[in-house]
């Protein structure tokens, strides 16, 4: 799909097993499908959502959500800092 070798290298390093979330798949099977809750089978090419940049730029987030995201970002940045000895 991609011709850019650098992009391909980054993607394969970041996601060596692909874009599948096995833990999420297991939870979905256990807590949804096995309970016979409604499901819909779709093909891979229909599993796409297209959003325009105009629509994305107009999204307004709840202030509480914004503050939670800021807290997560701060916690993540503190975890990634390496101490120099």
PDB file of N, CA and C in Angstrom:
ATOM      1  N   UNK A   1       0.829  -1.185   0.000  1.00  0.00           N
ATOM      2  CA  UNK A   1       0.000   0.000   0.000  1.00  0.00           C
ATOM      3  C   UNK A   1       0.872   1.246   0.000  1.00  0.00           C
ATOM      4  N   UNK A   2       1.946   1.235   0.814  1.00  0.00           N
ATOM      5  CA  UNK A   2       2.825   2.395   0.906  1.00  0.00           C
ATOM      6  C   UNK A   2       4.097   2.156   0.110  1.00  0.00           C
ATOM      7  N   UNK A   3       4.605   3.207  -0.520  1.00  0.00           N
ATOM      8  CA  UNK A   3       5.862   3.113  -1.250  1.00  0.00           C
ATOM      9  C   UNK A   3       7.024   3.700  -0.469  1.00  0.00           C
ATOM     10  N   UNK A   4       6.743   4.509   0.534  1.00  0.00           N
ATOM     11  CA  UNK A   4       7.776   5.173   1.313  1.00  0.00           C
ATOM     12  C   UNK A   4       8.459   4.159   2.237  1.00  0.00           C
ATOM     13  N   UNK A   5       9.742   3.895   1.998  1.00  0.00           N
ATOM     14  CA  UNK A   5      10.460   2.881   2.777  1.00  0.00           C
ATOM     15  C   UNK A   5      10.610   3.285   4.235  1.00  0.00           C
ATOM     16  N   UNK A   6      10.812   4.571   4.503  1.00  0.00           N
ATOM     17  CA  UNK A   6      10.950   5.040   5.882  1.00  0.00           C
ATOM     18  C   UNK A   6       9.651   4.837   6.649  1.00  0.00           C
ATOM     19  N   UNK A   7       8.544   5.170   6.013  1.00  0.00           N
ATOM     20  CA  UNK A   7       7.243   4.982   6.649  1.00  0.00           C
ATOM     21  C   UNK A   7       6.991   3.505   6.935  1.00  0.00           C
ATOM     22  N   UNK A   8       7.281   2.662   5.985  1.00  0.00           N
ATOM     23  CA  UNK A   8       7.107   1.220   6.187  1.00  0.00           C
ATOM     24  C   UNK A   8       7.968   0.709   7.329  1.00  0.00           C
ATOM     25  N   UNK A   9       9.192   1.196   7.414  1.00  0.00           N
ATOM     26  CA  UNK A   9      10.100   0.778   8.479  1.00  0.00           C
ATOM     27  C   UNK A   9       9.544   1.188   9.845  1.00  0.00           C
ATOM     28  N   UNK A  10       9.057   2.422   9.947  1.00  0.00           N
ATOM     29  CA  UNK A  10       8.494   2.894  11.210  1.00  0.00           C
ATOM     30  C   UNK A  10       7.255   2.091  11.600  1.00  0.00           C
ATOM     31  N   UNK A  11       6.400   1.821  10.642  1.00  0.00           N
ATOM     32  CA  UNK A  11       5.174   1.066  10.934  1.00  0.00           C
ATOM     33  C   UNK A  11       5.507  -0.349  11.386  1.00  0.00           C
ATOM     34  N   UNK A  12       6.429  -0.999  10.710  1.00  0.00           N
ATOM     35  CA  UNK A  12       6.757  -2.380  11.079  1.00  0.00           C
ATOM     36  C   UNK A  12       7.481  -2.446  12.419  1.00  0.00           C
ATOM     37  N   UNK A  13       8.237  -1.410  12.776  1.00  0.00           N
ATOM     38  CA  UNK A  13       8.886  -1.392  14.093  1.00  0.00           C
ATOM     39  C   UNK A  13       7.875  -1.112  15.199  1.00  0.00           C
ATOM     40  N   UNK A  14       6.972  -0.174  14.959  1.00  0.00           N
ATOM     41  CA  UNK A  14       5.994   0.220  15.972  1.00  0.00           C
ATOM     42  C   UNK A  14       4.918  -0.850  16.167  1.00  0.00           C
ATOM     43  N   UNK A  15       4.505  -1.495  15.089  1.00  0.00           N
ATOM     44  CA  UNK A  15       3.441  -2.494  15.143  1.00  0.00           C
ATOM     45  C   UNK A  15       3.933  -3.801  14.517  1.00  0.00           C
ATOM     46  N   UNK A  16       4.823  -4.529  15.198  1.00  0.00           N
ATOM     47  CA  UNK A  16       5.376  -5.748  14.600  1.00  0.00           C
ATOM     48  C   UNK A  16       4.330  -6.827  14.342  1.00  0.00           C
ATOM     49  N   UNK A  17       3.291  -6.873  15.158  1.00  0.00           N
ATOM     50  CA  UNK A  17       2.268  -7.904  14.953  1.00  0.00           C
ATOM     51  C   UNK A  17       1.082  -7.380  14.160  1.00  0.00           C
ATOM     52  N   UNK A  18       1.200  -6.201  13.613  1.00  0.00           N
ATOM     53  CA  UNK A  18       0.104  -5.625  12.840  1.00  0.00           C
ATOM     54  C   UNK A  18      -0.752  -4.717  13.701  1.00  0.00           C
ATOM     55  N   UNK A  19      -1.908  -4.384  13.183  1.00  0.00           N
ATOM     56  CA  UNK A  19      -2.797  -3.467  13.873  1.00  0.00           C
ATOM     57  C   UNK A  19      -3.905  -4.185  14.633  1.00  0.00           C
ATOM     58  N   UNK A  20      -3.739  -5.435  14.923  1.00  0.00           N
ATOM     59  CA  UNK A  20      -4.771  -6.191  15.627  1.00  0.00           C
ATOM     60  C   UNK A  20      -4.602  -6.026  17.127  1.00  0.00           C
ATOM     61  N   UNK A  21      -5.715  -5.900  17.807  1.00  0.00           N
ATOM     62  CA  UNK A  21      -5.731  -5.811  19.263  1.00  0.00           C
ATOM     63  C   UNK A  21      -6.339  -7.113  19.776  1.00  0.00           C
ATOM     64  N   UNK A  22      -5.478  -8.071  20.074  1.00  0.00           N
ATOM     65  CA  UNK A  22      -5.942  -9.402  20.448  1.00  0.00           C
ATOM     66  C   UNK A  22      -6.719  -9.388  21.759  1.00  0.00           C
ATOM     67  N   UNK A  23      -6.298  -8.557  22.692  1.00  0.00           N
ATOM     68  CA  UNK A  23      -6.997  -8.474  23.972  1.00  0.00           C
ATOM     69  C   UNK A  23      -8.425  -7.969  23.767  1.00  0.00           C
ATOM     70  N   UNK A  24      -8.573  -6.956  22.933  1.00  0.00           N
ATOM     71  CA  UNK A  24      -9.906  -6.428  22.633  1.00  0.00           C
ATOM     72  C   UNK A  24     -10.753  -7.469  21.906  1.00  0.00           C
ATOM     73  N   UNK A  25     -10.147  -8.199  20.982  1.00  0.00           N
ATOM     74  CA  UNK A  25     -10.882  -9.245  20.267  1.00  0.00           C
ATOM     75  C   UNK A  25     -11.382 -10.321  21.226  1.00  0.00           C
ATOM     76  N   UNK A  26     -10.530 -10.733  22.168  1.00  0.00           N
ATOM     77  CA  UNK A  26     -10.931 -11.754  23.139  1.00  0.00           C
ATOM     78  C   UNK A  26     -12.083 -11.266  24.018  1.00  0.00           C
ATOM     79  N   UNK A  27     -11.986 -10.015  24.467  1.00  0.00           N
ATOM     80  CA  UNK A  27     -13.053  -9.456  25.300  1.00  0.00           C
ATOM     81  C   UNK A  27     -14.354  -9.348  24.514  1.00  0.00           C
ATOM     82  N   UNK A  28     -14.266  -8.981  23.247  1.00  0.00           N
ATOM     83  CA  UNK A  28     -15.460  -8.859  22.413  1.00  0.00           C
ATOM     84  C   UNK A  28     -16.139 -10.213  22.248  1.00  0.00           C
ATOM     85  N   UNK A  29     -15.343 -11.227  21.987  1.00  0.00           N
ATOM     86  CA  UNK A  29     -15.901 -12.575  21.824  1.00  0.00           C
ATOM     87  C   UNK A  29     -16.550 -13.039  23.122  1.00  0.00           C
ATOM     88  N   UNK A  30     -15.837 -12.851  24.231  1.00  0.00           N
ATOM     89  CA  UNK A  30     -16.319 -13.352  25.514  1.00  0.00           C
ATOM     90  C   UNK A  30     -17.546 -12.594  26.016  1.00  0.00           C
ATOM     91  N   UNK A  31     -17.487 -11.270  25.980  1.00  0.00           N
ATOM     92  CA  UNK A  31     -18.546 -10.474  26.599  1.00  0.00           C
ATOM     93  C   UNK A  31     -19.645 -10.025  25.642  1.00  0.00           C
ATOM     94  N   UNK A  32     -19.509 -10.300  24.357  1.00  0.00           N
ATOM     95  CA  UNK A  32     -20.541  -9.858  23.419  1.00  0.00           C
ATOM     96  C   UNK A  32     -21.046 -11.016  22.557  1.00  0.00           C
ATOM     97  N   UNK A  33     -20.150 -11.591  21.778  1.00  0.00           N
ATOM     98  CA  UNK A  33     -20.572 -12.606  20.807  1.00  0.00           C
ATOM     99  C   UNK A  33     -21.080 -13.868  21.497  1.00  0.00           C
ATOM    100  N   UNK A  34     -20.370 -14.347  22.519  1.00  0.00           N
ATOM    101  CA  UNK A  34     -20.794 -15.571  23.210  1.00  0.00           C
ATOM    102  C   UNK A  34     -22.086 -15.389  23.995  1.00  0.00           C
ATOM    103  N   UNK A  35     -22.471 -14.149  24.262  1.00  0.00           N
ATOM    104  CA  UNK A  35     -23.743 -13.880  24.935  1.00  0.00           C
ATOM    105  C   UNK A  35     -24.879 -13.694  23.934  1.00  0.00           C
ATOM    106  N   UNK A  36     -24.586 -13.979  22.666  1.00  0.00           N
ATOM    107  CA  UNK A  36     -25.566 -13.877  21.577  1.00  0.00           C
ATOM    108  C   UNK A  36     -26.176 -12.483  21.454  1.00  0.00           C
ATOM    109  N   UNK A  37     -25.374 -11.469  21.715  1.00  0.00           N
ATOM    110  CA  UNK A  37     -25.818 -10.098  21.494  1.00  0.00           C
ATOM    111  C   UNK A  37     -25.722  -9.804  20.004  1.00  0.00           C
ATOM    112  N   UNK A  38     -26.429  -8.785  19.512  1.00  0.00           N
ATOM    113  CA  UNK A  38     -26.467  -8.547  18.063  1.00  0.00           C
ATOM    114  C   UNK A  38     -25.092  -8.250  17.459  1.00  0.00           C
ATOM    115  N   UNK A  39     -24.824  -8.876  16.331  1.00  0.00           N
ATOM    116  CA  UNK A  39     -23.569  -8.663  15.607  1.00  0.00           C
ATOM    117  C   UNK A  39     -23.870  -8.461  14.127  1.00  0.00           C
ATOM    118  N   UNK A  40     -22.937  -7.846  13.448  1.00  0.00           N
ATOM    119  CA  UNK A  40     -23.037  -7.646  12.008  1.00  0.00           C
ATOM    120  C   UNK A  40     -21.709  -8.023  11.389  1.00  0.00           C
ATOM    121  N   UNK A  41     -21.746  -8.846  10.365  1.00  0.00           N
ATOM    122  CA  UNK A  41     -20.520  -9.219   9.666  1.00  0.00           C
ATOM    123  C   UNK A  41     -20.282  -8.235   8.535  1.00  0.00           C
ATOM    124  N   UNK A  42     -19.070  -7.687   8.504  1.00  0.00           N
ATOM    125  CA  UNK A  42     -18.706  -6.730   7.463  1.00  0.00           C
ATOM    126  C   UNK A  42     -17.395  -7.161   6.827  1.00  0.00           C
ATOM    127  N   UNK A  43     -17.179  -6.725   5.610  1.00  0.00           N
ATOM    128  CA  UNK A  43     -15.917  -7.014   4.941  1.00  0.00           C
ATOM    129  C   UNK A  43     -14.896  -5.959   5.336  1.00  0.00           C
ATOM    130  N   UNK A  44     -13.628  -6.269   5.116  1.00  0.00           N
ATOM    131  CA  UNK A  44     -12.569  -5.339   5.499  1.00  0.00           C
ATOM    132  C   UNK A  44     -12.673  -4.002   4.782  1.00  0.00           C
ATOM    133  N   UNK A  45     -13.092  -4.009   3.532  1.00  0.00           N
ATOM    134  CA  UNK A  45     -13.142  -2.753   2.786  1.00  0.00           C
ATOM    135  C   UNK A  45     -14.294  -1.847   3.219  1.00  0.00           C
ATOM    136  N   UNK A  46     -15.266  -2.363   3.975  1.00  0.00           N
ATOM    137  CA  UNK A  46     -16.343  -1.505   4.476  1.00  0.00           C
ATOM    138  C   UNK A  46     -16.079  -1.029   5.897  1.00  0.00           C
ATOM    139  N   UNK A  47     -15.010  -1.477   6.495  1.00  0.00           N
ATOM    140  CA  UNK A  47     -14.660  -1.095   7.857  1.00  0.00           C
ATOM    141  C   UNK A  47     -13.827   0.190   7.838  1.00  0.00           C
ATOM    142  N   UNK A  48     -14.365   1.232   7.206  1.00  0.00           N
ATOM    143  CA  UNK A  48     -13.642   2.491   7.028  1.00  0.00           C
ATOM    144  C   UNK A  48     -14.573   3.642   7.376  1.00  0.00           C
ATOM    145  N   UNK A  49     -14.054   4.609   8.092  1.00  0.00           N
ATOM    146  CA  UNK A  49     -14.812   5.822   8.374  1.00  0.00           C
ATOM    147  C   UNK A  49     -14.070   6.991   7.764  1.00  0.00           C
ATOM    148  N   UNK A  50     -14.775   7.794   7.000  1.00  0.00           N
ATOM    149  CA  UNK A  50     -14.157   8.957   6.374  1.00  0.00           C
ATOM    150  C   UNK A  50     -14.711  10.214   7.019  1.00  0.00           C
ATOM    151  N   UNK A  51     -13.818  11.022   7.570  1.00  0.00           N
ATOM    152  CA  UNK A  51     -14.200  12.287   8.177  1.00  0.00           C
ATOM    153  C   UNK A  51     -13.487  13.411   7.454  1.00  0.00           C
ATOM    154  N   UNK A  52     -14.220  14.450   7.142  1.00  0.00           N
ATOM    155  CA  UNK A  52     -13.593  15.589   6.474  1.00  0.00           C
ATOM    156  C   UNK A  52     -12.805  16.399   7.496  1.00  0.00           C
ATOM    157  N   UNK A  53     -11.784  17.088   7.027  1.00  0.00           N
ATOM    158  CA  UNK A  53     -10.985  17.925   7.925  1.00  0.00           C
ATOM    159  C   UNK A  53     -11.830  19.059   8.489  1.00  0.00           C
ATOM    160  N   UNK A  54     -12.793  19.518   7.713  1.00  0.00           N
ATOM    161  CA  UNK A  54     -13.686  20.573   8.189  1.00  0.00           C
ATOM    162  C   UNK A  54     -14.495  20.084   9.387  1.00  0.00           C
ATOM    163  N   UNK A  55     -14.999  18.879   9.301  1.00  0.00           N
ATOM    164  CA  UNK A  55     -15.769  18.302  10.396  1.00  0.00           C
ATOM    165  C   UNK A  55     -14.894  18.106  11.634  1.00  0.00           C
ATOM    166  N   UNK A  56     -13.690  17.609  11.436  1.00  0.00           N
ATOM    167  CA  UNK A  56     -12.776  17.377  12.552  1.00  0.00           C
ATOM    168  C   UNK A  56     -12.424  18.691  13.246  1.00  0.00           C
ATOM    169  N   UNK A  57     -12.225  19.743  12.465  1.00  0.00           N
ATOM    170  CA  UNK A  57     -11.852  21.034  13.058  1.00  0.00           C
ATOM    171  C   UNK A  57     -12.987  21.650  13.868  1.00  0.00           C
ATOM    172  N   UNK A  58     -14.226  21.224  13.632  1.00  0.00           N
ATOM    173  CA  UNK A  58     -15.375  21.782  14.345  1.00  0.00           C
ATOM    174  C   UNK A  58     -15.764  20.980  15.589  1.00  0.00           C
ATOM    175  N   UNK A  59     -15.047  19.913  15.869  1.00  0.00           N
ATOM    176  CA  UNK A  59     -15.375  19.092  17.032  1.00  0.00           C
ATOM    177  C   UNK A  59     -15.093  19.884  18.306  1.00  0.00           C
ATOM    178  N   UNK A  60     -16.056  19.868  19.221  1.00  0.00           N
ATOM    179  CA  UNK A  60     -15.881  20.521  20.513  1.00  0.00           C
ATOM    180  C   UNK A  60     -15.927  19.447  21.591  1.00  0.00           C
ATOM    181  N   UNK A  61     -14.877  19.405  22.391  1.00  0.00           N
ATOM    182  CA  UNK A  61     -14.770  18.394  23.430  1.00  0.00           C
ATOM    183  C   UNK A  61     -15.230  18.951  24.771  1.00  0.00           C
ATOM    184  N   UNK A  62     -15.745  18.076  25.581  1.00  0.00           N
ATOM    185  CA  UNK A  62     -16.157  18.410  26.931  1.00  0.00           C
ATOM    186  C   UNK A  62     -14.926  18.873  27.716  1.00  0.00           C
ATOM    187  N   UNK A  63     -15.012  19.971  28.477  1.00  0.00           N
ATOM    188  CA  UNK A  63     -13.858  20.449  29.251  1.00  0.00           C
ATOM    189  C   UNK A  63     -13.319  19.413  30.233  1.00  0.00           C
ATOM    190  N   UNK A  64     -14.202  18.589  30.806  1.00  0.00           N
ATOM    191  CA  UNK A  64     -13.742  17.535  31.717  1.00  0.00           C
ATOM    192  C   UNK A  64     -12.866  16.527  30.981  1.00  0.00           C
ATOM    193  N   UNK A  65     -13.256  16.197  29.756  1.00  0.00           N
ATOM    194  CA  UNK A  65     -12.466  15.273  28.945  1.00  0.00           C
ATOM    195  C   UNK A  65     -11.103  15.877  28.626  1.00  0.00           C
ATOM    196  N   UNK A  66     -11.081  17.158  28.300  1.00  0.00           N
ATOM    197  CA  UNK A  66      -9.817  17.834  28.006  1.00  0.00           C
ATOM    198  C   UNK A  66      -8.881  17.799  29.213  1.00  0.00           C
ATOM    199  N   UNK A  67      -9.423  18.039  30.397  1.00  0.00           N
ATOM    200  CA  UNK A  67      -8.571  18.026  31.590  1.00  0.00           C
ATOM    201  C   UNK A  67      -8.047  16.618  31.872  1.00  0.00           C
ATOM    202  N   UNK A  68      -8.870  15.595  31.647  1.00  0.00           N
ATOM    203  CA  UNK A  68      -8.410  14.211  31.830  1.00  0.00           C
ATOM    204  C   UNK A  68      -7.276  13.879  30.864  1.00  0.00           C
ATOM    205  N   UNK A  69      -7.415  14.309  29.619  1.00  0.00           N
ATOM    206  CA  UNK A  69      -6.374  14.059  28.621  1.00  0.00           C
ATOM    207  C   UNK A  69      -5.079  14.738  29.036  1.00  0.00           C
ATOM    208  N   UNK A  70      -5.162  15.970  29.535  1.00  0.00           N
ATOM    209  CA  UNK A  70      -3.973  16.690  30.007  1.00  0.00           C
ATOM    210  C   UNK A  70      -3.292  15.922  31.133  1.00  0.00           C
ATOM    211  N   UNK A  71      -4.086  15.378  32.054  1.00  0.00           N
ATOM    212  CA  UNK A  71      -3.524  14.602  33.167  1.00  0.00           C
ATOM    213  C   UNK A  71      -2.794  13.375  32.637  1.00  0.00           C
ATOM    214  N   UNK A  72      -3.400  12.667  31.675  1.00  0.00           N
ATOM    215  CA  UNK A  72      -2.758  11.493  31.086  1.00  0.00           C
ATOM    216  C   UNK A  72      -1.460  11.874  30.376  1.00  0.00           C
ATOM    217  N   UNK A  73      -1.474  13.001  29.670  1.00  0.00           N
ATOM    218  CA  UNK A  73      -0.273  13.452  28.972  1.00  0.00           C
ATOM    219  C   UNK A  73       0.843  13.758  29.960  1.00  0.00           C
ATOM    220  N   UNK A  74       0.514  14.418  31.062  1.00  0.00           N
ATOM    221  CA  UNK A  74       1.524  14.738  32.070  1.00  0.00           C
ATOM    222  C   UNK A  74       2.090  13.474  32.706  1.00  0.00           C
ATOM    223  N   UNK A  75       1.216  12.531  33.032  1.00  0.00           N
ATOM    224  CA  UNK A  75       1.682  11.270  33.610  1.00  0.00           C
ATOM    225  C   UNK A  75       2.577  10.526  32.630  1.00  0.00           C
ATOM    226  N   UNK A  76       2.197  10.513  31.362  1.00  0.00           N
ATOM    227  CA  UNK A  76       2.988   9.827  30.339  1.00  0.00           C
ATOM    228  C   UNK A  76       4.336  10.476  30.137  1.00  0.00           C
ATOM    229  N   UNK A  77       4.387  11.795  30.172  1.00  0.00           N
ATOM    230  CA  UNK A  77       5.663  12.478  29.966  1.00  0.00           C
ATOM    231  C   UNK A  77       6.591  12.252  31.151  1.00  0.00           C
ATOM    232  N   UNK A  78       6.040  12.133  32.350  1.00  0.00           N
ATOM    233  CA  UNK A  78       6.867  11.874  33.529  1.00  0.00           C
ATOM    234  C   UNK A  78       7.435  10.463  33.488  1.00  0.00           C
ATOM    235  N   UNK A  79       6.678   9.518  32.962  1.00  0.00           N
ATOM    236  CA  UNK A  79       7.144   8.133  32.897  1.00  0.00           C
ATOM    237  C   UNK A  79       8.256   7.948  31.878  1.00  0.00           C
ATOM    238  N   UNK A  80       8.241   8.731  30.816  1.00  0.00           N
ATOM    239  CA  UNK A  80       9.196   8.532  29.734  1.00  0.00           C
ATOM    240  C   UNK A  80      10.540   9.213  29.963  1.00  0.00           C
ATOM    241  N   UNK A  81      10.620  10.114  30.944  1.00  0.00           N
ATOM    242  CA  UNK A  81      11.873  10.815  31.183  1.00  0.00           C
ATOM    243  C   UNK A  81      12.891   9.858  31.786  1.00  0.00           C
ATOM    244  N   UNK A  82      14.079   9.877  31.250  1.00  0.00           N
ATOM    245  CA  UNK A  82      15.142   9.029  31.766  1.00  0.00           C
ATOM    246  C   UNK A  82      15.980   9.828  32.752  1.00  0.00           C
ATOM    247  N   UNK A  83      16.348   9.181  33.806  1.00  0.00           N
ATOM    248  CA  UNK A  83      17.197   9.839  34.789  1.00  0.00           C
ATOM    249  C   UNK A  83      18.650   9.650  34.394  1.00  0.00           C
ATOM    250  N   UNK A  84      19.396  10.706  34.499  1.00  0.00           N
ATOM    251  CA  UNK A  84      20.822  10.639  34.206  1.00  0.00           C
ATOM    252  C   UNK A  84      21.585  10.522  35.516  1.00  0.00           C
ATOM    253  N   UNK A  85      22.454   9.537  35.609  1.00  0.00           N
ATOM    254  CA  UNK A  85      23.233   9.330  36.831  1.00  0.00           C
ATOM    255  C   UNK A  85      24.667   9.692  36.601  1.00  0.00           C
TER     256      UNK A  85
END
